[in-house]
Amino acid sequence: MNRAEICNWILQDSDPAIRWQVMRDLAGADPEKFESERGRIATGGWGKQLLELQDHTGLWGGGLYSPKWISTTYTLLLLQWFGLPAHNEQALKGCAQLWSGATFYDHGLTFAKTVPTAETCMTAMVVSTTAFFGHHEDRLDRTVQWLLSQQLDDGGWNCETLRNGSLHGSFHTSITVLESLLAYRNFTETTDVNDAIGRGCEFFLAHRLFKSHRTGEVVNPAFARFPFPPQWHFDVLRGLEFFRFSGAECDERLDDAVAVLVKSRGRDGRWPYHRPYPGRRWFALESAGPSKWSTLRCLRVLDWWDATF
């Protein structure tokens, strides 16, 4: 299949959540057209289904962080991946529930009842959805500053730092925090996060995105899989997407990661479906076979890469 045929295949009978991103990132549609399609997320398809599953209090799945993957946190993150427009009334109500239901320790937060410390990933997820949907929360800036204070000397972040003193960045935690800082930067510039983002990018570049900086070996073979949505997990595609979304310049230290995407491409030019992470889901977004989500995400990363090299 050529490029035009692949785009048409993704667009055909697809949900507004994926159609608008294809129109914007692959098809070069006018902003008026793709924003119009984006506006349909709340009124049709997957976005509408998710919004209808919110209860009267503003929660999804009856919980703030659990059960995975149908809790308020993860449903908001999925709506964020869909691109539900900012200031959606139901999304804002869900964000407010996260802030009111969390326990705070020195401006970091947690939803856990048995661990008496803030949790970096949870904090980052709340910052991300809050900033993305435009929820105005007085504690947001101080919470972002807390995230900045948790950055390690290697440029990464690790949820285990507060639990057991770990001093090496975690791939999972670091990508989650970087995405939250990018969402915050796009929302407000009250706190300068550019240096932290730069150091976080260097953390990944020093690891060639997914390899040990000591041995050069792949840290985890699962990083070459990229289910959608990624939930709290790092993978090669998610990492490359961050570099693209952040406006970073291509760096040759990402060569190996890009090669993973190229190698996983099917003969027909499309990418395969990856089985979701175990846990409850509201509904299936795709089934086995060529994946529209993977194909969209990989193509736009390769477009960004090819524009430089």
C-alpha atoms as a PDB file:
ATOM      1  CA  MET A   1       0.000   0.000   0.000  1.00  0.00           C
ATOM      2  CA  ASN A   2       1.267   3.492  -0.781  1.00  0.00           C
ATOM      3  CA  ARG A   3       1.029   6.463   1.576  1.00  0.00           C
ATOM      4  CA  ALA A   4      -2.328   7.692   0.260  1.00  0.00           C
ATOM      5  CA  GLU A   5      -3.843   4.219   0.467  1.00  0.00           C
ATOM      6  CA  ILE A   6      -2.645   3.790   4.045  1.00  0.00           C
ATOM      7  CA  CYS A   7      -4.121   7.140   5.085  1.00  0.00           C
ATOM      8  CA  ASN A   8      -7.425   6.266   3.441  1.00  0.00           C
ATOM      9  CA  TRP A   9      -7.425   2.907   5.214  1.00  0.00           C
ATOM     10  CA  ILE A  10      -6.922   4.551   8.603  1.00  0.00           C
ATOM     11  CA  LEU A  11      -9.602   7.139   7.928  1.00  0.00           C
ATOM     12  CA  GLN A  12     -12.204   4.720   6.610  1.00  0.00           C
ATOM     13  CA  ASP A  13     -14.909   3.906   9.167  1.00  0.00           C
ATOM     14  CA  SER A  14     -12.687   5.221  11.964  1.00  0.00           C
ATOM     15  CA  ASP A  15     -13.446   7.006  15.206  1.00  0.00           C
ATOM     16  CA  PRO A  16     -13.079  10.812  15.389  1.00  0.00           C
ATOM     17  CA  ALA A  17     -10.308  10.276  17.996  1.00  0.00           C
ATOM     18  CA  ILE A  18      -8.034   8.803  15.356  1.00  0.00           C
ATOM     19  CA  ARG A  19      -9.404  10.533  12.265  1.00  0.00           C
ATOM     20  CA  TRP A  20      -8.540  14.043  13.415  1.00  0.00           C
ATOM     21  CA  GLN A  21      -4.945  13.056  14.169  1.00  0.00           C
ATOM     22  CA  VAL A  22      -4.538  11.476  10.738  1.00  0.00           C
ATOM     23  CA  MET A  23      -5.950  14.600   9.146  1.00  0.00           C
ATOM     24  CA  ARG A  24      -3.565  16.829  11.105  1.00  0.00           C
ATOM     25  CA  ASP A  25      -0.376  14.757  11.128  1.00  0.00           C
ATOM     26  CA  LEU A  26      -0.466  12.669   7.944  1.00  0.00           C
ATOM     27  CA  ALA A  27      -2.902  14.202   5.492  1.00  0.00           C
ATOM     28  CA  GLY A  28      -2.031  17.877   5.981  1.00  0.00           C
ATOM     29  CA  ALA A  29      -5.633  18.974   6.365  1.00  0.00           C
ATOM     30  CA  ASP A  30      -6.530  22.579   7.159  1.00  0.00           C
ATOM     31  CA  PRO A  31      -6.812  23.283  10.909  1.00  0.00           C
ATOM     32  CA  GLU A  32     -10.477  24.150  10.518  1.00  0.00           C
ATOM     33  CA  LYS A  33     -11.182  20.686   9.148  1.00  0.00           C
ATOM     34  CA  PHE A  34      -9.228  18.590  11.633  1.00  0.00           C
ATOM     35  CA  GLU A  35     -10.398  20.685  14.589  1.00  0.00           C
ATOM     36  CA  SER A  36     -13.980  20.173  13.436  1.00  0.00           C
ATOM     37  CA  GLU A  37     -13.360  16.438  13.417  1.00  0.00           C
ATOM     38  CA  ARG A  38     -11.692  16.675  16.815  1.00  0.00           C
ATOM     39  CA  GLY A  39     -14.778  18.375  18.173  1.00  0.00           C
ATOM     40  CA  ARG A  40     -16.758  15.223  17.423  1.00  0.00           C
ATOM     41  CA  ILE A  41     -14.822  13.176  19.997  1.00  0.00           C
ATOM     42  CA  ALA A  42     -17.221  14.203  22.763  1.00  0.00           C
ATOM     43  CA  THR A  43     -20.353  13.612  20.709  1.00  0.00           C
ATOM     44  CA  GLY A  44     -19.658  10.355  18.909  1.00  0.00           C
ATOM     45  CA  GLY A  45     -17.689   7.148  19.111  1.00  0.00           C
ATOM     46  CA  TRP A  46     -15.199   6.196  21.789  1.00  0.00           C
ATOM     47  CA  GLY A  47     -15.032   9.607  23.439  1.00  0.00           C
ATOM     48  CA  LYS A  48     -18.784   9.798  23.857  1.00  0.00           C
ATOM     49  CA  GLN A  49     -18.850   6.256  25.258  1.00  0.00           C
ATOM     50  CA  LEU A  50     -16.232   7.106  27.858  1.00  0.00           C
ATOM     51  CA  LEU A  51     -17.940  10.324  28.895  1.00  0.00           C
ATOM     52  CA  GLU A  52     -21.222   8.477  29.317  1.00  0.00           C
ATOM     53  CA  LEU A  53     -19.503   6.059  31.721  1.00  0.00           C
ATOM     54  CA  GLN A  54     -18.633   8.820  34.202  1.00  0.00           C
ATOM     55  CA  ASP A  55     -20.763   8.693  37.348  1.00  0.00           C
ATOM     56  CA  HIS A  56     -22.592  11.640  38.880  1.00  0.00           C
ATOM     57  CA  THR A  57     -19.698  12.420  41.240  1.00  0.00           C
ATOM     58  CA  GLY A  58     -17.213  12.773  38.389  1.00  0.00           C
ATOM     59  CA  LEU A  59     -15.498   9.410  38.811  1.00  0.00           C
ATOM     60  CA  TRP A  60     -14.923   6.604  36.367  1.00  0.00           C
ATOM     61  CA  GLY A  61     -14.795   2.988  37.487  1.00  0.00           C
ATOM     62  CA  GLY A  62     -15.658   3.976  41.040  1.00  0.00           C
ATOM     63  CA  GLY A  63     -12.071   4.934  41.873  1.00  0.00           C
ATOM     64  CA  LEU A  64      -9.346   7.521  41.483  1.00  0.00           C
ATOM     65  CA  TYR A  65      -6.436   5.299  40.371  1.00  0.00           C
ATOM     66  CA  SER A  66      -7.846   1.772  40.564  1.00  0.00           C
ATOM     67  CA  PRO A  67      -9.213  -0.419  39.101  1.00  0.00           C
ATOM     68  CA  LYS A  68      -6.840  -0.400  36.154  1.00  0.00           C
ATOM     69  CA  TRP A  69      -7.521   0.583  33.422  1.00  0.00           C
ATOM     70  CA  ILE A  70     -11.000   1.974  34.041  1.00  0.00           C
ATOM     71  CA  SER A  71     -10.348   4.327  36.957  1.00  0.00           C
ATOM     72  CA  THR A  72     -10.666   8.090  36.724  1.00  0.00           C
ATOM     73  CA  THR A  73      -6.923   8.589  36.209  1.00  0.00           C
ATOM     74  CA  TYR A  74      -6.594   6.130  33.348  1.00  0.00           C
ATOM     75  CA  THR A  75      -9.849   7.118  31.672  1.00  0.00           C
ATOM     76  CA  LEU A  76      -8.730  10.748  31.646  1.00  0.00           C
ATOM     77  CA  LEU A  77      -5.364   9.690  30.231  1.00  0.00           C
ATOM     78  CA  LEU A  78      -7.136   7.776  27.459  1.00  0.00           C
ATOM     79  CA  LEU A  79      -9.286  10.806  26.655  1.00  0.00           C
ATOM     80  CA  GLN A  80      -6.054  12.800  26.557  1.00  0.00           C
ATOM     81  CA  TRP A  81      -4.558  10.341  24.057  1.00  0.00           C
ATOM     82  CA  PHE A  82      -7.753  10.703  22.020  1.00  0.00           C
ATOM     83  CA  GLY A  83      -7.273  14.467  22.018  1.00  0.00           C
ATOM     84  CA  LEU A  84     -10.562  15.417  23.665  1.00  0.00           C
ATOM     85  CA  PRO A  85     -10.524  19.225  23.496  1.00  0.00           C
ATOM     86  CA  ALA A  86      -9.555  21.188  26.594  1.00  0.00           C
ATOM     87  CA  HIS A  87     -12.159  22.560  28.977  1.00  0.00           C
ATOM     88  CA  ASN A  88     -14.566  19.675  28.474  1.00  0.00           C
ATOM     89  CA  GLU A  89     -16.874  19.949  31.480  1.00  0.00           C
ATOM     90  CA  GLN A  90     -16.758  16.255  32.352  1.00  0.00           C
ATOM     91  CA  ALA A  91     -12.991  16.008  32.033  1.00  0.00           C
ATOM     92  CA  LEU A  92     -12.602  19.024  34.307  1.00  0.00           C
ATOM     93  CA  LYS A  93     -14.910  17.423  36.870  1.00  0.00           C
ATOM     94  CA  GLY A  94     -12.778  14.289  36.774  1.00  0.00           C
ATOM     95  CA  CYS A  95      -9.588  16.324  37.245  1.00  0.00           C
ATOM     96  CA  ALA A  96     -11.107  18.062  40.249  1.00  0.00           C
ATOM     97  CA  GLN A  97     -11.874  14.676  41.799  1.00  0.00           C
ATOM     98  CA  LEU A  98      -8.242  13.607  41.465  1.00  0.00           C
ATOM     99  CA  TRP A  99      -7.007  16.662  43.333  1.00  0.00           C
ATOM    100  CA  SER A 100      -9.636  16.441  46.061  1.00  0.00           C
ATOM    101  CA  GLY A 101      -9.156  12.692  46.554  1.00  0.00           C
ATOM    102  CA  ALA A 102      -5.353  12.540  46.649  1.00  0.00           C
ATOM    103  CA  THR A 103      -3.155  12.580  49.743  1.00  0.00           C
ATOM    104  CA  PHE A 104      -0.315  15.120  49.606  1.00  0.00           C
ATOM    105  CA  TYR A 105       3.206  14.881  50.988  1.00  0.00           C
ATOM    106  CA  ASP A 106       5.290  18.017  50.503  1.00  0.00           C
ATOM    107  CA  HIS A 107       3.231  18.940  47.396  1.00  0.00           C
ATOM    108  CA  GLY A 108       3.638  15.526  45.771  1.00  0.00           C
ATOM    109  CA  LEU A 109       0.589  13.278  45.849  1.00  0.00           C
ATOM    110  CA  THR A 110      -0.515   9.674  46.031  1.00  0.00           C
ATOM    111  CA  PHE A 111      -3.700   7.667  45.831  1.00  0.00           C
ATOM    112  CA  ALA A 112      -2.181   4.760  47.763  1.00  0.00           C
ATOM    113  CA  LYS A 113      -3.514   4.204  51.268  1.00  0.00           C
ATOM    114  CA  THR A 114      -0.660   2.096  52.632  1.00  0.00           C
ATOM    115  CA  VAL A 115       2.496   3.900  51.424  1.00  0.00           C
ATOM    116  CA  PRO A 116       3.143   7.144  53.378  1.00  0.00           C
ATOM    117  CA  THR A 117       5.044   8.968  50.626  1.00  0.00           C
ATOM    118  CA  ALA A 118       4.166  10.820  47.479  1.00  0.00           C
ATOM    119  CA  GLU A 119       4.223   8.767  44.259  1.00  0.00           C
ATOM    120  CA  THR A 120       6.047  10.329  41.330  1.00  0.00           C
ATOM    121  CA  CYS A 121       4.141   8.610  38.522  1.00  0.00           C
ATOM    122  CA  MET A 122       0.745   9.322  40.040  1.00  0.00           C
ATOM    123  CA  THR A 123       1.712  12.937  40.605  1.00  0.00           C
ATOM    124  CA  ALA A 124       2.864  13.273  37.010  1.00  0.00           C
ATOM    125  CA  MET A 125      -0.330  11.736  35.636  1.00  0.00           C
ATOM    126  CA  VAL A 126      -2.469  14.200  37.585  1.00  0.00           C
ATOM    127  CA  VAL A 127      -0.328  17.132  36.400  1.00  0.00           C
ATOM    128  CA  SER A 128      -0.592  15.879  32.818  1.00  0.00           C
ATOM    129  CA  THR A 129      -4.379  15.578  32.680  1.00  0.00           C
ATOM    130  CA  THR A 130      -4.858  18.797  34.671  1.00  0.00           C
ATOM    131  CA  ALA A 131      -2.715  20.804  32.276  1.00  0.00           C
ATOM    132  CA  PHE A 132      -4.012  19.130  29.128  1.00  0.00           C
ATOM    133  CA  PHE A 133      -7.671  19.743  29.940  1.00  0.00           C
ATOM    134  CA  GLY A 134      -7.035  23.204  31.371  1.00  0.00           C
ATOM    135  CA  HIS A 135      -8.237  22.576  34.913  1.00  0.00           C
ATOM    136  CA  HIS A 136      -7.238  25.531  37.085  1.00  0.00           C
ATOM    137  CA  GLU A 137      -5.854  24.230  40.367  1.00  0.00           C
ATOM    138  CA  ASP A 138      -4.049  26.450  42.866  1.00  0.00           C
ATOM    139  CA  ARG A 139      -1.672  23.634  43.861  1.00  0.00           C
ATOM    140  CA  LEU A 140      -0.550  22.834  40.321  1.00  0.00           C
ATOM    141  CA  ASP A 141       2.588  25.012  40.240  1.00  0.00           C
ATOM    142  CA  ARG A 142       3.839  23.767  43.609  1.00  0.00           C
ATOM    143  CA  THR A 143       3.215  20.190  42.527  1.00  0.00           C
ATOM    144  CA  VAL A 144       5.190  20.745  39.327  1.00  0.00           C
ATOM    145  CA  GLN A 145       8.005  22.227  41.408  1.00  0.00           C
ATOM    146  CA  TRP A 146       7.900  19.076  43.543  1.00  0.00           C
ATOM    147  CA  LEU A 147       8.308  16.979  40.388  1.00  0.00           C
ATOM    148  CA  LEU A 148      11.313  19.087  39.414  1.00  0.00           C
ATOM    149  CA  SER A 149      12.833  18.480  42.847  1.00  0.00           C
ATOM    150  CA  GLN A 150      12.608  14.729  42.274  1.00  0.00           C
ATOM    151  CA  GLN A 151      14.761  14.731  39.143  1.00  0.00           C
ATOM    152  CA  LEU A 152      17.873  12.630  39.681  1.00  0.00           C
ATOM    153  CA  ASP A 153      21.464  13.451  38.804  1.00  0.00           C
ATOM    154  CA  ASP A 154      21.245  11.284  35.665  1.00  0.00           C
ATOM    155  CA  GLY A 155      18.311  13.383  34.407  1.00  0.00           C
ATOM    156  CA  GLY A 156      15.645  10.756  35.003  1.00  0.00           C
ATOM    157  CA  TRP A 157      13.007  10.127  37.650  1.00  0.00           C
ATOM    158  CA  ASN A 158      12.176   7.001  39.608  1.00  0.00           C
ATOM    159  CA  CYS A 159       9.149   6.146  41.744  1.00  0.00           C
ATOM    160  CA  GLU A 160      11.432   3.971  43.876  1.00  0.00           C
ATOM    161  CA  THR A 161      13.588   6.914  44.945  1.00  0.00           C
ATOM    162  CA  LEU A 162      11.289   7.851  47.816  1.00  0.00           C
ATOM    163  CA  ARG A 163      10.653   4.210  48.728  1.00  0.00           C
ATOM    164  CA  ASN A 164      14.137   2.755  48.753  1.00  0.00           C
ATOM    165  CA  GLY A 165      16.554   5.499  47.735  1.00  0.00           C
ATOM    166  CA  SER A 166      17.106   4.453  44.115  1.00  0.00           C
ATOM    167  CA  LEU A 167      19.336   6.966  42.333  1.00  0.00           C
ATOM    168  CA  HIS A 168      18.987   5.770  38.736  1.00  0.00           C
ATOM    169  CA  GLY A 169      16.201   6.974  36.509  1.00  0.00           C
ATOM    170  CA  SER A 170      13.374   4.621  35.564  1.00  0.00           C
ATOM    171  CA  PHE A 171      12.292   4.509  31.924  1.00  0.00           C
ATOM    172  CA  HIS A 172       8.631   4.220  32.952  1.00  0.00           C
ATOM    173  CA  THR A 173       8.692   7.033  35.501  1.00  0.00           C
ATOM    174  CA  SER A 174      10.851   9.318  33.386  1.00  0.00           C
ATOM    175  CA  ILE A 175       8.623   9.227  30.303  1.00  0.00           C
ATOM    176  CA  THR A 176       5.539   9.801  32.453  1.00  0.00           C
ATOM    177  CA  VAL A 177       7.079  12.846  34.123  1.00  0.00           C
ATOM    178  CA  LEU A 178       8.420  14.264  30.859  1.00  0.00           C
ATOM    179  CA  GLU A 179       4.985  14.027  29.253  1.00  0.00           C
ATOM    180  CA  SER A 180       3.470  15.814  32.238  1.00  0.00           C
ATOM    181  CA  LEU A 181       6.025  18.625  32.085  1.00  0.00           C
ATOM    182  CA  LEU A 182       5.381  19.039  28.368  1.00  0.00           C
ATOM    183  CA  ALA A 183       1.626  19.249  28.977  1.00  0.00           C
ATOM    184  CA  TYR A 184       2.287  21.799  31.728  1.00  0.00           C
ATOM    185  CA  ARG A 185       4.582  23.853  29.468  1.00  0.00           C
ATOM    186  CA  ASN A 186       1.879  23.927  26.815  1.00  0.00           C
ATOM    187  CA  PHE A 187      -0.636  25.093  29.410  1.00  0.00           C
ATOM    188  CA  THR A 188       1.322  27.715  31.348  1.00  0.00           C
ATOM    189  CA  GLU A 189       4.859  28.979  31.787  1.00  0.00           C
ATOM    190  CA  THR A 190       4.492  29.980  35.436  1.00  0.00           C
ATOM    191  CA  THR A 191       7.237  27.525  36.393  1.00  0.00           C
ATOM    192  CA  ASP A 192      10.119  27.055  33.971  1.00  0.00           C
ATOM    193  CA  VAL A 193      10.419  23.371  33.115  1.00  0.00           C
ATOM    194  CA  ASN A 194      12.667  23.644  30.050  1.00  0.00           C
ATOM    195  CA  ASP A 195      15.885  22.712  31.818  1.00  0.00           C
ATOM    196  CA  ALA A 196      14.279  19.660  33.402  1.00  0.00           C
ATOM    197  CA  ILE A 197      12.867  18.557  30.046  1.00  0.00           C
ATOM    198  CA  GLY A 198      16.266  18.992  28.440  1.00  0.00           C
ATOM    199  CA  ARG A 199      17.979  16.926  31.131  1.00  0.00           C
ATOM    200  CA  GLY A 200      15.272  14.283  30.853  1.00  0.00           C
ATOM    201  CA  CYS A 201      15.788  14.052  27.110  1.00  0.00           C
ATOM    202  CA  GLU A 202      19.516  13.648  27.677  1.00  0.00           C
ATOM    203  CA  PHE A 203      18.783  10.787  30.087  1.00  0.00           C
ATOM    204  CA  PHE A 204      17.040   8.915  27.290  1.00  0.00           C
ATOM    205  CA  LEU A 205      19.616   9.858  24.676  1.00  0.00           C
ATOM    206  CA  ALA A 206      22.393   8.527  26.908  1.00  0.00           C
ATOM    207  CA  HIS A 207      20.496   5.221  26.860  1.00  0.00           C
ATOM    208  CA  ARG A 208      19.850   5.390  23.113  1.00  0.00           C
ATOM    209  CA  LEU A 209      16.237   5.557  24.323  1.00  0.00           C
ATOM    210  CA  PHE A 210      15.907   1.907  25.416  1.00  0.00           C
ATOM    211  CA  LYS A 211      19.334   0.457  26.156  1.00  0.00           C
ATOM    212  CA  SER A 212      21.653   0.151  29.129  1.00  0.00           C
ATOM    213  CA  HIS A 213      24.157   2.976  29.241  1.00  0.00           C
ATOM    214  CA  ARG A 214      26.681   0.527  30.686  1.00  0.00           C
ATOM    215  CA  THR A 215      26.394  -2.522  28.407  1.00  0.00           C
ATOM    216  CA  GLY A 216      24.476  -1.249  25.393  1.00  0.00           C
ATOM    217  CA  GLU A 217      22.023  -4.148  25.750  1.00  0.00           C
ATOM    218  CA  VAL A 218      18.267  -3.648  25.413  1.00  0.00           C
ATOM    219  CA  VAL A 219      16.937  -3.088  28.934  1.00  0.00           C
ATOM    220  CA  ASN A 220      13.642  -4.886  28.356  1.00  0.00           C
ATOM    221  CA  PRO A 221      12.494  -6.690  25.176  1.00  0.00           C
ATOM    222  CA  ALA A 222       8.962  -5.470  25.925  1.00  0.00           C
ATOM    223  CA  PHE A 223      10.104  -1.966  24.984  1.00  0.00           C
ATOM    224  CA  ALA A 224       9.830  -3.065  21.330  1.00  0.00           C
ATOM    225  CA  ARG A 225       6.082  -3.603  21.790  1.00  0.00           C
ATOM    226  CA  PHE A 226       3.767  -0.611  21.725  1.00  0.00           C
ATOM    227  CA  PRO A 227       0.200  -1.359  22.808  1.00  0.00           C
ATOM    228  CA  PHE A 228      -2.274   1.510  22.696  1.00  0.00           C
ATOM    229  CA  PRO A 229      -2.784   3.117  25.101  1.00  0.00           C
ATOM    230  CA  PRO A 230       0.612   2.649  26.786  1.00  0.00           C
ATOM    231  CA  GLN A 231      -0.816   3.202  30.270  1.00  0.00           C
ATOM    232  CA  TRP A 232       2.159   3.710  32.658  1.00  0.00           C
ATOM    233  CA  HIS A 233       4.600   1.703  30.554  1.00  0.00           C
ATOM    234  CA  PHE A 234       7.539   2.984  28.532  1.00  0.00           C
ATOM    235  CA  ASP A 235       8.138   1.690  25.016  1.00  0.00           C
ATOM    236  CA  VAL A 236      10.222   2.735  22.036  1.00  0.00           C
ATOM    237  CA  LEU A 237       7.329   4.350  20.174  1.00  0.00           C
ATOM    238  CA  ARG A 238       6.164   6.309  23.213  1.00  0.00           C
ATOM    239  CA  GLY A 239       9.686   7.581  23.742  1.00  0.00           C
ATOM    240  CA  LEU A 240      10.087   8.674  20.133  1.00  0.00           C
ATOM    241  CA  GLU A 241       6.678  10.335  20.202  1.00  0.00           C
ATOM    242  CA  PHE A 242       7.763  12.427  23.155  1.00  0.00           C
ATOM    243  CA  PHE A 243      10.791  13.726  21.271  1.00  0.00           C
ATOM    244  CA  ARG A 244       8.559  14.563  18.321  1.00  0.00           C
ATOM    245  CA  PHE A 245       5.815  16.226  20.390  1.00  0.00           C
ATOM    246  CA  SER A 246       8.344  18.250  22.392  1.00  0.00           C
ATOM    247  CA  GLY A 247       9.767  19.828  19.258  1.00  0.00           C
ATOM    248  CA  ALA A 248      13.199  18.312  19.851  1.00  0.00           C
ATOM    249  CA  GLU A 249      15.649  18.014  17.012  1.00  0.00           C
ATOM    250  CA  CYS A 250      16.434  14.538  15.732  1.00  0.00           C
ATOM    251  CA  ASP A 251      19.521  13.044  17.358  1.00  0.00           C
ATOM    252  CA  GLU A 252      21.575  10.207  15.899  1.00  0.00           C
ATOM    253  CA  ARG A 253      21.446   8.474  19.285  1.00  0.00           C
ATOM    254  CA  LEU A 254      17.827   7.633  18.445  1.00  0.00           C
ATOM    255  CA  ASP A 255      18.899   5.635  15.367  1.00  0.00           C
ATOM    256  CA  ASP A 256      18.476   2.266  17.052  1.00  0.00           C
ATOM    257  CA  ALA A 257      15.010   3.135  18.333  1.00  0.00           C
ATOM    258  CA  VAL A 258      13.857   4.294  14.903  1.00  0.00           C
ATOM    259  CA  ALA A 259      15.208   1.048  13.457  1.00  0.00           C
ATOM    260  CA  VAL A 260      12.863  -0.866  15.781  1.00  0.00           C
ATOM    261  CA  LEU A 261       9.889   0.893  14.199  1.00  0.00           C
ATOM    262  CA  VAL A 262      11.141   0.321  10.682  1.00  0.00           C
ATOM    263  CA  LYS A 263      11.783  -3.365  11.342  1.00  0.00           C
ATOM    264  CA  SER A 264       8.314  -3.924  12.797  1.00  0.00           C
ATOM    265  CA  ARG A 265       6.545  -2.506   9.748  1.00  0.00           C
ATOM    266  CA  GLY A 266       4.593  -5.038   7.709  1.00  0.00           C
ATOM    267  CA  ARG A 267       5.197  -5.689   4.021  1.00  0.00           C
ATOM    268  CA  ASP A 268       2.026  -3.778   3.187  1.00  0.00           C
ATOM    269  CA  GLY A 269       3.370  -0.645   4.926  1.00  0.00           C
ATOM    270  CA  ARG A 270       1.236  -0.987   8.048  1.00  0.00           C
ATOM    271  CA  TRP A 271       2.133  -1.847  11.647  1.00  0.00           C
ATOM    272  CA  PRO A 272       0.660  -4.680  13.709  1.00  0.00           C
ATOM    273  CA  TYR A 273      -1.676  -4.621  16.664  1.00  0.00           C
ATOM    274  CA  HIS A 274      -0.072  -5.269  20.058  1.00  0.00           C
ATOM    275  CA  ARG A 275      -2.073  -6.975  22.773  1.00  0.00           C
ATOM    276  CA  PRO A 276      -3.093  -4.531  25.562  1.00  0.00           C
ATOM    277  CA  TYR A 277      -1.651  -4.703  29.055  1.00  0.00           C
ATOM    278  CA  PRO A 278      -3.585  -7.019  31.398  1.00  0.00           C
ATOM    279  CA  GLY A 279      -6.416  -5.366  33.267  1.00  0.00           C
ATOM    280  CA  ARG A 280     -10.001  -4.276  32.818  1.00  0.00           C
ATOM    281  CA  ARG A 281     -10.855  -2.124  29.813  1.00  0.00           C
ATOM    282  CA  TRP A 282     -14.016  -0.228  29.039  1.00  0.00           C
ATOM    283  CA  PHE A 283     -14.033  -1.647  25.512  1.00  0.00           C
ATOM    284  CA  ALA A 284     -11.620  -2.825  22.850  1.00  0.00           C
ATOM    285  CA  LEU A 285     -10.210  -0.183  20.532  1.00  0.00           C
ATOM    286  CA  GLU A 286      -8.846  -2.649  17.998  1.00  0.00           C
ATOM    287  CA  SER A 287      -8.419  -6.361  17.347  1.00  0.00           C
ATOM    288  CA  ALA A 288      -5.628  -8.529  15.963  1.00  0.00           C
ATOM    289  CA  GLY A 289      -4.283  -7.592  12.551  1.00  0.00           C
ATOM    290  CA  PRO A 290      -2.967  -4.326  11.127  1.00  0.00           C
ATOM    291  CA  SER A 291      -3.346  -1.553  13.701  1.00  0.00           C
ATOM    292  CA  LYS A 292      -4.622   1.887  12.786  1.00  0.00           C
ATOM    293  CA  TRP A 293      -3.266   3.361  16.008  1.00  0.00           C
ATOM    294  CA  SER A 294       0.188   1.874  15.580  1.00  0.00           C
ATOM    295  CA  THR A 295       0.319   2.860  11.924  1.00  0.00           C
ATOM    296  CA  LEU A 296      -0.679   6.455  12.628  1.00  0.00           C
ATOM    297  CA  ARG A 297       1.768   6.793  15.495  1.00  0.00           C
ATOM    298  CA  CYS A 298       4.701   5.192  13.685  1.00  0.00           C
ATOM    299  CA  LEU A 299       4.161   7.101  10.452  1.00  0.00           C
ATOM    300  CA  ARG A 300       4.158  10.497  12.102  1.00  0.00           C
ATOM    301  CA  VAL A 301       7.309   9.671  14.057  1.00  0.00           C
ATOM    302  CA  LEU A 302       9.047   8.545  10.859  1.00  0.00           C
ATOM    303  CA  ASP A 303       7.843  11.700   9.065  1.00  0.00           C
ATOM    304  CA  TRP A 304       9.495  13.762  11.814  1.00  0.00           C
ATOM    305  CA  TRP A 305      12.658  11.685  11.582  1.00  0.00           C
ATOM    306  CA  ASP A 306      12.832  11.694   7.775  1.00  0.00           C
ATOM    307  CA  ALA A 307      12.407  15.470   7.682  1.00  0.00           C
ATOM    308  CA  THR A 308      15.879  15.750   9.215  1.00  0.00           C
ATOM    309  CA  PHE A 309      17.749  12.732   7.908  1.00  0.00           C
END
